[in-house]
Amino acid sequence: MIEKIDVKIQRIDESFLDIPLPEYATQGSSGLDIRAAVENEFIISAGKVGLVPTNIRVEIPEGFEIQVRPRSGLAAKYGIGILNSPGTIDSDYRGEIKVILFNFGNEDFIIKRGDRIAQMVITKIFRANFIESNALNESKRNDGGFGHTGSK
């Protein structure tokens, strides 16, 4: 059984009431689709960044965060991704959620009012208690860096 938590959500501008609140597309979805709250069209030119408003604010319970992640269909079909993926929304943030989209494609990308632009995943967080030490336990990998394990 999937654990559920209550998250308060608020629309900022009532002129966007026609845009659905974030929602799970299927029973098995882990991310909630979030939509663009733009008047008409919002264009992100090829190779450029766009900050897309969603018209929503949330109150995330302490001990949780929201991660904003790209939509795979936008990435595969149009080269649209989230520049700071995953974006993190902390539990004490109360401003509008905006999505930093980047157009990795070769053509301008047009976002229309209510288009699904990203997904939000609500996750539990843990706080680290760092313990300074003069030595760390050895591991099989040890200090092997990027590409250390190979590609096959």
N, C-alpha and C. Protein backbone atom coordinates (compact mmCIF):
# COMPACT_ATOMS: atom_id res chain seq x y z
N MET A 1 0.84 -1.19 0.00
CA MET A 1 0.00 0.00 0.00
C MET A 1 0.88 1.25 0.00
N ILE A 2 0.51 2.22 -0.77
CA ILE A 2 1.26 3.45 -0.89
C ILE A 2 0.85 4.42 0.22
N GLU A 3 1.86 4.94 0.91
CA GLU A 3 1.61 5.92 1.97
C GLU A 3 1.24 7.25 1.33
N LYS A 4 0.29 7.95 1.91
CA LYS A 4 -0.14 9.26 1.40
C LYS A 4 0.08 10.32 2.46
N ILE A 5 0.38 11.55 1.99
CA ILE A 5 0.50 12.69 2.89
C ILE A 5 -0.36 13.82 2.32
N ASP A 6 -0.79 14.70 3.19
CA ASP A 6 -1.56 15.87 2.76
C ASP A 6 -0.60 17.00 2.44
N VAL A 7 -0.81 17.64 1.29
CA VAL A 7 -0.02 18.79 0.88
C VAL A 7 -0.99 19.89 0.50
N LYS A 8 -0.93 21.02 1.20
CA LYS A 8 -1.80 22.15 0.85
C LYS A 8 -1.31 22.78 -0.45
N ILE A 9 -2.26 23.16 -1.30
CA ILE A 9 -1.93 23.80 -2.57
C ILE A 9 -2.82 25.02 -2.74
N GLN A 10 -2.29 26.05 -3.35
CA GLN A 10 -3.05 27.28 -3.54
C GLN A 10 -2.82 27.80 -4.96
N ARG A 11 -3.92 28.16 -5.60
CA ARG A 11 -3.81 28.87 -6.88
C ARG A 11 -3.51 30.33 -6.56
N ILE A 12 -2.66 30.95 -7.36
CA ILE A 12 -2.27 32.33 -7.11
C ILE A 12 -3.21 33.30 -7.80
N ASP A 13 -3.54 33.05 -9.04
CA ASP A 13 -4.34 33.95 -9.86
C ASP A 13 -5.58 33.19 -10.35
N GLU A 14 -6.75 33.68 -10.00
CA GLU A 14 -7.98 32.99 -10.35
C GLU A 14 -8.31 33.01 -11.84
N SER A 15 -7.57 33.77 -12.62
CA SER A 15 -7.82 33.78 -14.07
C SER A 15 -7.29 32.50 -14.73
N PHE A 16 -6.64 31.64 -13.95
CA PHE A 16 -6.13 30.36 -14.47
C PHE A 16 -6.89 29.17 -13.89
N LEU A 17 -8.14 29.37 -13.48
CA LEU A 17 -8.93 28.28 -12.88
C LEU A 17 -9.19 27.14 -13.86
N ASP A 18 -9.07 27.41 -15.15
CA ASP A 18 -9.30 26.37 -16.16
C ASP A 18 -8.14 25.37 -16.25
N ILE A 19 -7.01 25.71 -15.65
CA ILE A 19 -5.85 24.82 -15.69
C ILE A 19 -5.93 23.87 -14.49
N PRO A 20 -5.92 22.55 -14.77
CA PRO A 20 -6.03 21.59 -13.66
C PRO A 20 -4.87 21.69 -12.68
N LEU A 21 -5.16 21.38 -11.43
CA LEU A 21 -4.13 21.26 -10.41
C LEU A 21 -3.26 20.04 -10.75
N PRO A 22 -2.06 19.95 -10.17
CA PRO A 22 -1.22 18.77 -10.43
C PRO A 22 -1.98 17.49 -10.16
N GLU A 23 -1.75 16.50 -11.02
CA GLU A 23 -2.49 15.24 -10.88
C GLU A 23 -1.64 14.09 -11.41
N TYR A 24 -1.90 12.90 -10.85
CA TYR A 24 -1.25 11.68 -11.32
C TYR A 24 -1.98 11.23 -12.58
N ALA A 25 -1.24 10.93 -13.64
CA ALA A 25 -1.86 10.53 -14.91
C ALA A 25 -2.43 9.12 -14.85
N THR A 26 -1.76 8.22 -14.11
CA THR A 26 -2.22 6.84 -14.00
C THR A 26 -2.09 6.38 -12.56
N GLN A 27 -2.65 5.23 -12.26
CA GLN A 27 -2.59 4.65 -10.92
C GLN A 27 -1.14 4.40 -10.49
N GLY A 28 -0.27 4.05 -11.45
CA GLY A 28 1.11 3.73 -11.13
C GLY A 28 2.07 4.90 -11.24
N SER A 29 1.59 6.08 -11.54
CA SER A 29 2.47 7.24 -11.70
C SER A 29 3.09 7.64 -10.37
N SER A 30 4.39 7.93 -10.38
CA SER A 30 5.04 8.44 -9.17
C SER A 30 5.11 9.96 -9.19
N GLY A 31 4.98 10.56 -10.37
CA GLY A 31 5.03 12.01 -10.49
C GLY A 31 3.68 12.59 -10.85
N LEU A 32 3.42 13.77 -10.33
CA LEU A 32 2.20 14.51 -10.66
C LEU A 32 2.52 15.46 -11.82
N ASP A 33 1.70 15.44 -12.86
CA ASP A 33 1.90 16.36 -13.98
C ASP A 33 1.57 17.78 -13.54
N ILE A 34 2.46 18.71 -13.89
CA ILE A 34 2.20 20.12 -13.63
C ILE A 34 2.14 20.85 -14.97
N ARG A 35 1.34 21.90 -15.00
CA ARG A 35 1.00 22.56 -16.25
C ARG A 35 1.43 24.02 -16.29
N ALA A 36 1.60 24.50 -17.50
CA ALA A 36 2.00 25.89 -17.72
C ALA A 36 0.83 26.82 -17.52
N ALA A 37 1.05 27.85 -16.73
CA ALA A 37 0.03 28.89 -16.52
C ALA A 37 0.47 30.13 -17.29
N VAL A 38 0.27 30.07 -18.60
CA VAL A 38 0.64 31.18 -19.48
C VAL A 38 -0.63 31.68 -20.16
N GLU A 39 -0.65 32.97 -20.47
CA GLU A 39 -1.84 33.56 -21.09
C GLU A 39 -2.15 32.94 -22.45
N ASN A 40 -1.20 32.98 -23.35
CA ASN A 40 -1.41 32.45 -24.70
C ASN A 40 -0.32 31.43 -25.02
N GLU A 41 0.76 31.89 -25.63
CA GLU A 41 1.88 31.02 -25.94
C GLU A 41 3.14 31.53 -25.26
N PHE A 42 4.01 30.60 -24.93
CA PHE A 42 5.30 30.91 -24.33
C PHE A 42 6.31 30.17 -25.19
N ILE A 43 7.22 30.90 -25.81
CA ILE A 43 8.18 30.29 -26.73
C ILE A 43 9.55 30.23 -26.08
N ILE A 44 10.15 29.03 -26.15
CA ILE A 44 11.53 28.86 -25.72
C ILE A 44 12.33 28.60 -26.99
N SER A 45 13.17 29.55 -27.35
CA SER A 45 13.97 29.42 -28.56
C SER A 45 14.99 28.30 -28.41
N ALA A 46 15.41 27.73 -29.54
CA ALA A 46 16.42 26.68 -29.54
C ALA A 46 17.65 27.16 -28.79
N GLY A 47 18.15 26.32 -27.89
CA GLY A 47 19.35 26.65 -27.13
C GLY A 47 19.14 27.65 -26.01
N LYS A 48 17.90 27.96 -25.68
CA LYS A 48 17.61 28.98 -24.67
C LYS A 48 16.86 28.38 -23.48
N VAL A 49 16.79 29.20 -22.41
CA VAL A 49 16.12 28.84 -21.16
C VAL A 49 14.82 29.62 -21.05
N GLY A 50 13.80 29.00 -20.49
CA GLY A 50 12.55 29.68 -20.20
C GLY A 50 12.08 29.35 -18.79
N LEU A 51 11.66 30.37 -18.05
CA LEU A 51 11.13 30.17 -16.70
C LEU A 51 9.60 30.18 -16.82
N VAL A 52 8.99 29.01 -16.69
CA VAL A 52 7.57 28.85 -16.97
C VAL A 52 6.76 28.84 -15.67
N PRO A 53 5.79 29.75 -15.54
CA PRO A 53 4.96 29.80 -14.33
C PRO A 53 3.93 28.67 -14.30
N THR A 54 3.52 28.29 -13.08
CA THR A 54 2.50 27.25 -12.92
C THR A 54 1.26 27.75 -12.18
N ASN A 55 1.33 28.93 -11.60
CA ASN A 55 0.22 29.52 -10.85
C ASN A 55 -0.12 28.74 -9.57
N ILE A 56 0.82 27.99 -9.05
CA ILE A 56 0.54 27.25 -7.81
C ILE A 56 1.64 27.48 -6.79
N ARG A 57 1.21 27.45 -5.53
CA ARG A 57 2.10 27.46 -4.36
C ARG A 57 1.71 26.27 -3.51
N VAL A 58 2.66 25.73 -2.79
CA VAL A 58 2.37 24.56 -1.95
C VAL A 58 2.94 24.73 -0.55
N GLU A 59 2.37 23.99 0.37
CA GLU A 59 2.88 23.90 1.74
C GLU A 59 3.24 22.44 1.97
N ILE A 60 4.52 22.17 1.82
CA ILE A 60 5.02 20.80 1.93
C ILE A 60 5.29 20.51 3.41
N PRO A 61 4.82 19.36 3.90
CA PRO A 61 5.09 19.03 5.30
C PRO A 61 6.59 18.93 5.57
N GLU A 62 7.01 19.34 6.76
CA GLU A 62 8.41 19.23 7.14
C GLU A 62 8.83 17.76 7.06
N GLY A 63 10.03 17.54 6.56
CA GLY A 63 10.52 16.17 6.39
C GLY A 63 10.31 15.65 4.98
N PHE A 64 9.73 16.49 4.11
CA PHE A 64 9.49 16.11 2.71
C PHE A 64 10.00 17.21 1.81
N GLU A 65 10.17 16.89 0.55
CA GLU A 65 10.50 17.86 -0.49
C GLU A 65 9.73 17.48 -1.73
N ILE A 66 9.67 18.40 -2.67
CA ILE A 66 9.14 18.09 -3.99
C ILE A 66 10.30 18.22 -4.96
N GLN A 67 10.48 17.20 -5.80
CA GLN A 67 11.45 17.25 -6.87
C GLN A 67 10.70 17.51 -8.17
N VAL A 68 11.17 18.49 -8.93
CA VAL A 68 10.58 18.81 -10.23
C VAL A 68 11.45 18.14 -11.28
N ARG A 69 10.83 17.28 -12.06
CA ARG A 69 11.57 16.46 -13.03
C ARG A 69 11.01 16.67 -14.44
N PRO A 70 11.85 16.38 -15.44
CA PRO A 70 11.38 16.53 -16.83
C PRO A 70 10.34 15.48 -17.19
N ARG A 71 9.60 15.76 -18.25
CA ARG A 71 8.68 14.78 -18.82
C ARG A 71 9.42 14.08 -19.95
N SER A 72 9.41 12.77 -19.93
CA SER A 72 10.18 12.01 -20.91
C SER A 72 9.72 12.26 -22.34
N GLY A 73 8.43 12.45 -22.54
CA GLY A 73 7.92 12.71 -23.89
C GLY A 73 8.45 14.01 -24.47
N LEU A 74 8.52 15.06 -23.64
CA LEU A 74 9.05 16.34 -24.12
C LEU A 74 10.54 16.22 -24.43
N ALA A 75 11.25 15.45 -23.62
CA ALA A 75 12.68 15.27 -23.86
C ALA A 75 12.93 14.49 -25.14
N ALA A 76 12.22 13.37 -25.31
CA ALA A 76 12.45 12.51 -26.47
C ALA A 76 11.98 13.14 -27.78
N LYS A 77 10.83 13.80 -27.77
CA LYS A 77 10.26 14.34 -29.00
C LYS A 77 10.80 15.71 -29.39
N TYR A 78 11.09 16.55 -28.38
CA TYR A 78 11.41 17.95 -28.67
C TYR A 78 12.74 18.44 -28.09
N GLY A 79 13.41 17.61 -27.30
CA GLY A 79 14.67 18.04 -26.69
C GLY A 79 14.48 19.04 -25.56
N ILE A 80 13.33 18.95 -24.87
CA ILE A 80 13.03 19.87 -23.76
C ILE A 80 13.34 19.19 -22.44
N GLY A 81 14.16 19.84 -21.63
CA GLY A 81 14.52 19.30 -20.32
C GLY A 81 14.46 20.37 -19.25
N ILE A 82 14.72 19.97 -18.04
CA ILE A 82 14.75 20.91 -16.92
C ILE A 82 16.22 21.18 -16.62
N LEU A 83 16.59 22.44 -16.64
CA LEU A 83 17.99 22.83 -16.53
C LEU A 83 18.61 22.39 -15.22
N ASN A 84 17.91 22.52 -14.12
CA ASN A 84 18.45 22.14 -12.81
C ASN A 84 17.84 20.83 -12.33
N SER A 85 17.71 19.88 -13.22
CA SER A 85 16.99 18.64 -12.93
C SER A 85 17.76 17.73 -11.97
N PRO A 86 17.11 17.20 -10.94
CA PRO A 86 15.76 17.61 -10.54
C PRO A 86 15.81 18.90 -9.73
N GLY A 87 14.85 19.74 -9.97
CA GLY A 87 14.70 20.94 -9.15
C GLY A 87 14.15 20.55 -7.80
N THR A 88 14.57 21.24 -6.76
CA THR A 88 14.12 20.93 -5.41
C THR A 88 13.26 22.05 -4.86
N ILE A 89 12.10 21.69 -4.32
CA ILE A 89 11.26 22.64 -3.61
C ILE A 89 11.29 22.24 -2.15
N ASP A 90 11.85 23.10 -1.33
CA ASP A 90 11.99 22.82 0.10
C ASP A 90 10.67 23.03 0.83
N SER A 91 10.55 22.39 1.99
CA SER A 91 9.29 22.46 2.74
C SER A 91 8.96 23.86 3.25
N ASP A 92 9.95 24.74 3.34
CA ASP A 92 9.66 26.09 3.85
C ASP A 92 9.49 27.13 2.74
N TYR A 93 9.51 26.70 1.46
CA TYR A 93 9.30 27.63 0.35
C TYR A 93 7.81 27.82 0.12
N ARG A 94 7.37 29.06 -0.02
CA ARG A 94 5.96 29.35 -0.22
C ARG A 94 5.68 30.18 -1.48
N GLY A 95 6.68 30.35 -2.32
CA GLY A 95 6.47 31.11 -3.55
C GLY A 95 5.87 30.26 -4.67
N GLU A 96 5.64 30.90 -5.79
CA GLU A 96 5.10 30.19 -6.95
C GLU A 96 6.12 29.17 -7.45
N ILE A 97 5.62 28.01 -7.80
CA ILE A 97 6.47 27.01 -8.44
C ILE A 97 6.62 27.42 -9.90
N LYS A 98 7.87 27.59 -10.32
CA LYS A 98 8.17 27.88 -11.72
C LYS A 98 9.16 26.82 -12.18
N VAL A 99 9.08 26.48 -13.46
CA VAL A 99 9.90 25.42 -14.00
C VAL A 99 10.93 26.00 -14.97
N ILE A 100 12.20 25.68 -14.73
CA ILE A 100 13.28 26.17 -15.59
C ILE A 100 13.49 25.18 -16.72
N LEU A 101 12.84 25.43 -17.85
CA LEU A 101 12.97 24.55 -19.00
C LEU A 101 14.10 25.01 -19.90
N PHE A 102 14.77 24.04 -20.52
CA PHE A 102 15.83 24.35 -21.48
C PHE A 102 15.50 23.64 -22.78
N ASN A 103 15.65 24.35 -23.88
CA ASN A 103 15.40 23.79 -25.20
C ASN A 103 16.73 23.31 -25.78
N PHE A 104 17.00 22.02 -25.64
CA PHE A 104 18.20 21.41 -26.19
C PHE A 104 18.04 21.14 -27.69
N GLY A 105 16.83 21.33 -28.22
CA GLY A 105 16.54 21.04 -29.62
C GLY A 105 17.03 22.11 -30.57
N ASN A 106 16.73 21.89 -31.86
CA ASN A 106 17.17 22.81 -32.92
C ASN A 106 16.07 23.76 -33.38
N GLU A 107 14.88 23.60 -32.83
CA GLU A 107 13.76 24.45 -33.23
C GLU A 107 13.13 25.09 -31.99
N ASP A 108 12.50 26.23 -32.19
CA ASP A 108 11.77 26.88 -31.10
C ASP A 108 10.69 25.93 -30.59
N PHE A 109 10.42 26.00 -29.30
CA PHE A 109 9.39 25.16 -28.69
C PHE A 109 8.29 26.06 -28.15
N ILE A 110 7.07 25.76 -28.52
CA ILE A 110 5.92 26.57 -28.12
C ILE A 110 5.16 25.86 -27.01
N ILE A 111 4.98 26.56 -25.90
CA ILE A 111 4.18 26.05 -24.78
C ILE A 111 2.87 26.82 -24.79
N LYS A 112 1.77 26.06 -24.72
CA LYS A 112 0.44 26.68 -24.70
C LYS A 112 -0.14 26.58 -23.30
N ARG A 113 -1.11 27.42 -23.05
CA ARG A 113 -1.81 27.46 -21.77
C ARG A 113 -2.29 26.05 -21.38
N GLY A 114 -1.90 25.60 -20.19
CA GLY A 114 -2.34 24.31 -19.68
C GLY A 114 -1.52 23.12 -20.14
N ASP A 115 -0.50 23.32 -20.98
CA ASP A 115 0.35 22.20 -21.40
C ASP A 115 1.06 21.59 -20.20
N ARG A 116 1.19 20.27 -20.21
CA ARG A 116 1.97 19.59 -19.17
C ARG A 116 3.44 19.82 -19.47
N ILE A 117 4.16 20.42 -18.51
CA ILE A 117 5.54 20.82 -18.76
C ILE A 117 6.56 20.08 -17.91
N ALA A 118 6.14 19.46 -16.83
CA ALA A 118 7.06 18.78 -15.92
C ALA A 118 6.25 17.88 -15.01
N GLN A 119 6.96 17.20 -14.13
CA GLN A 119 6.27 16.41 -13.11
C GLN A 119 6.91 16.65 -11.76
N MET A 120 6.10 16.52 -10.73
CA MET A 120 6.55 16.70 -9.35
C MET A 120 6.49 15.36 -8.64
N VAL A 121 7.58 15.05 -7.94
CA VAL A 121 7.62 13.84 -7.12
C VAL A 121 7.84 14.27 -5.68
N ILE A 122 6.99 13.81 -4.80
CA ILE A 122 7.10 14.15 -3.37
C ILE A 122 7.90 13.05 -2.70
N THR A 123 8.99 13.45 -2.04
CA THR A 123 9.88 12.47 -1.43
C THR A 123 10.19 12.83 0.02
N LYS A 124 10.46 11.80 0.79
CA LYS A 124 10.88 11.98 2.18
C LYS A 124 12.36 12.34 2.16
N ILE A 125 12.76 13.21 3.07
CA ILE A 125 14.17 13.57 3.16
C ILE A 125 14.76 13.10 4.48
N PHE A 126 16.05 12.97 4.49
CA PHE A 126 16.79 12.62 5.69
C PHE A 126 17.85 13.69 5.89
N ARG A 127 18.08 14.08 7.11
CA ARG A 127 19.15 15.04 7.43
C ARG A 127 20.39 14.27 7.83
N ALA A 128 21.51 14.67 7.26
CA ALA A 128 22.78 14.01 7.56
C ALA A 128 23.39 14.60 8.82
N ASN A 129 23.94 13.74 9.61
CA ASN A 129 24.73 14.14 10.77
C ASN A 129 26.17 13.75 10.45
N PHE A 130 26.96 14.68 9.89
CA PHE A 130 28.32 14.37 9.48
C PHE A 130 29.21 14.18 10.69
N ILE A 131 29.98 13.12 10.63
CA ILE A 131 30.92 12.80 11.70
C ILE A 131 32.31 12.85 11.08
N GLU A 132 33.07 13.87 11.46
CA GLU A 132 34.42 14.02 10.89
C GLU A 132 35.29 12.87 11.36
N SER A 133 36.08 12.34 10.41
CA SER A 133 36.91 11.18 10.71
C SER A 133 38.26 11.31 10.01
N ASN A 134 39.28 10.71 10.60
CA ASN A 134 40.61 10.69 9.99
C ASN A 134 40.75 9.59 8.95
N ALA A 135 39.82 8.63 8.93
CA ALA A 135 39.90 7.51 7.99
C ALA A 135 38.50 7.04 7.63
N LEU A 136 38.36 6.51 6.42
CA LEU A 136 37.10 5.93 5.96
C LEU A 136 37.31 4.45 5.67
N ASN A 137 36.28 3.65 5.80
CA ASN A 137 36.38 2.24 5.47
C ASN A 137 36.67 2.08 3.98
N GLU A 138 37.49 1.10 3.65
CA GLU A 138 37.81 0.80 2.26
C GLU A 138 36.60 0.18 1.59
N SER A 139 36.51 0.33 0.24
CA SER A 139 35.45 -0.31 -0.54
C SER A 139 36.08 -0.90 -1.79
N LYS A 140 35.34 -1.72 -2.50
CA LYS A 140 35.85 -2.33 -3.73
C LYS A 140 36.19 -1.25 -4.75
N ARG A 141 35.38 -0.25 -4.87
CA ARG A 141 35.62 0.83 -5.83
C ARG A 141 36.67 1.80 -5.33
N ASN A 142 36.64 2.07 -4.05
CA ASN A 142 37.53 3.04 -3.40
C ASN A 142 37.45 4.40 -4.07
N ASP A 143 38.52 4.91 -4.67
CA ASP A 143 38.47 6.26 -5.24
C ASP A 143 38.35 6.25 -6.76
N GLY A 144 37.86 5.13 -7.34
CA GLY A 144 37.66 5.08 -8.78
C GLY A 144 36.61 6.11 -9.19
N GLY A 145 36.97 6.97 -10.12
CA GLY A 145 36.11 8.10 -10.48
C GLY A 145 35.19 7.84 -11.65
N PHE A 146 34.85 8.91 -12.36
CA PHE A 146 33.92 8.85 -13.49
C PHE A 146 34.38 7.83 -14.52
N GLY A 147 33.47 6.95 -14.92
CA GLY A 147 33.77 5.94 -15.93
C GLY A 147 34.59 4.76 -15.42
N HIS A 148 34.83 4.73 -14.14
CA HIS A 148 35.68 3.69 -13.54
C HIS A 148 35.15 2.28 -13.79
N THR A 149 33.82 2.12 -13.80
CA THR A 149 33.27 0.77 -13.94
C THR A 149 33.09 0.36 -15.40
N GLY A 150 33.41 1.25 -16.35
CA GLY A 150 33.33 0.89 -17.76
C GLY A 150 31.93 1.00 -18.31
N SER A 151 31.78 0.60 -19.57
CA SER A 151 30.48 0.72 -20.23
C SER A 151 29.85 -0.62 -20.53
N LYS A 152 30.53 -1.74 -20.24
CA LYS A 152 29.97 -3.07 -20.54
C LYS A 152 29.83 -3.89 -19.29
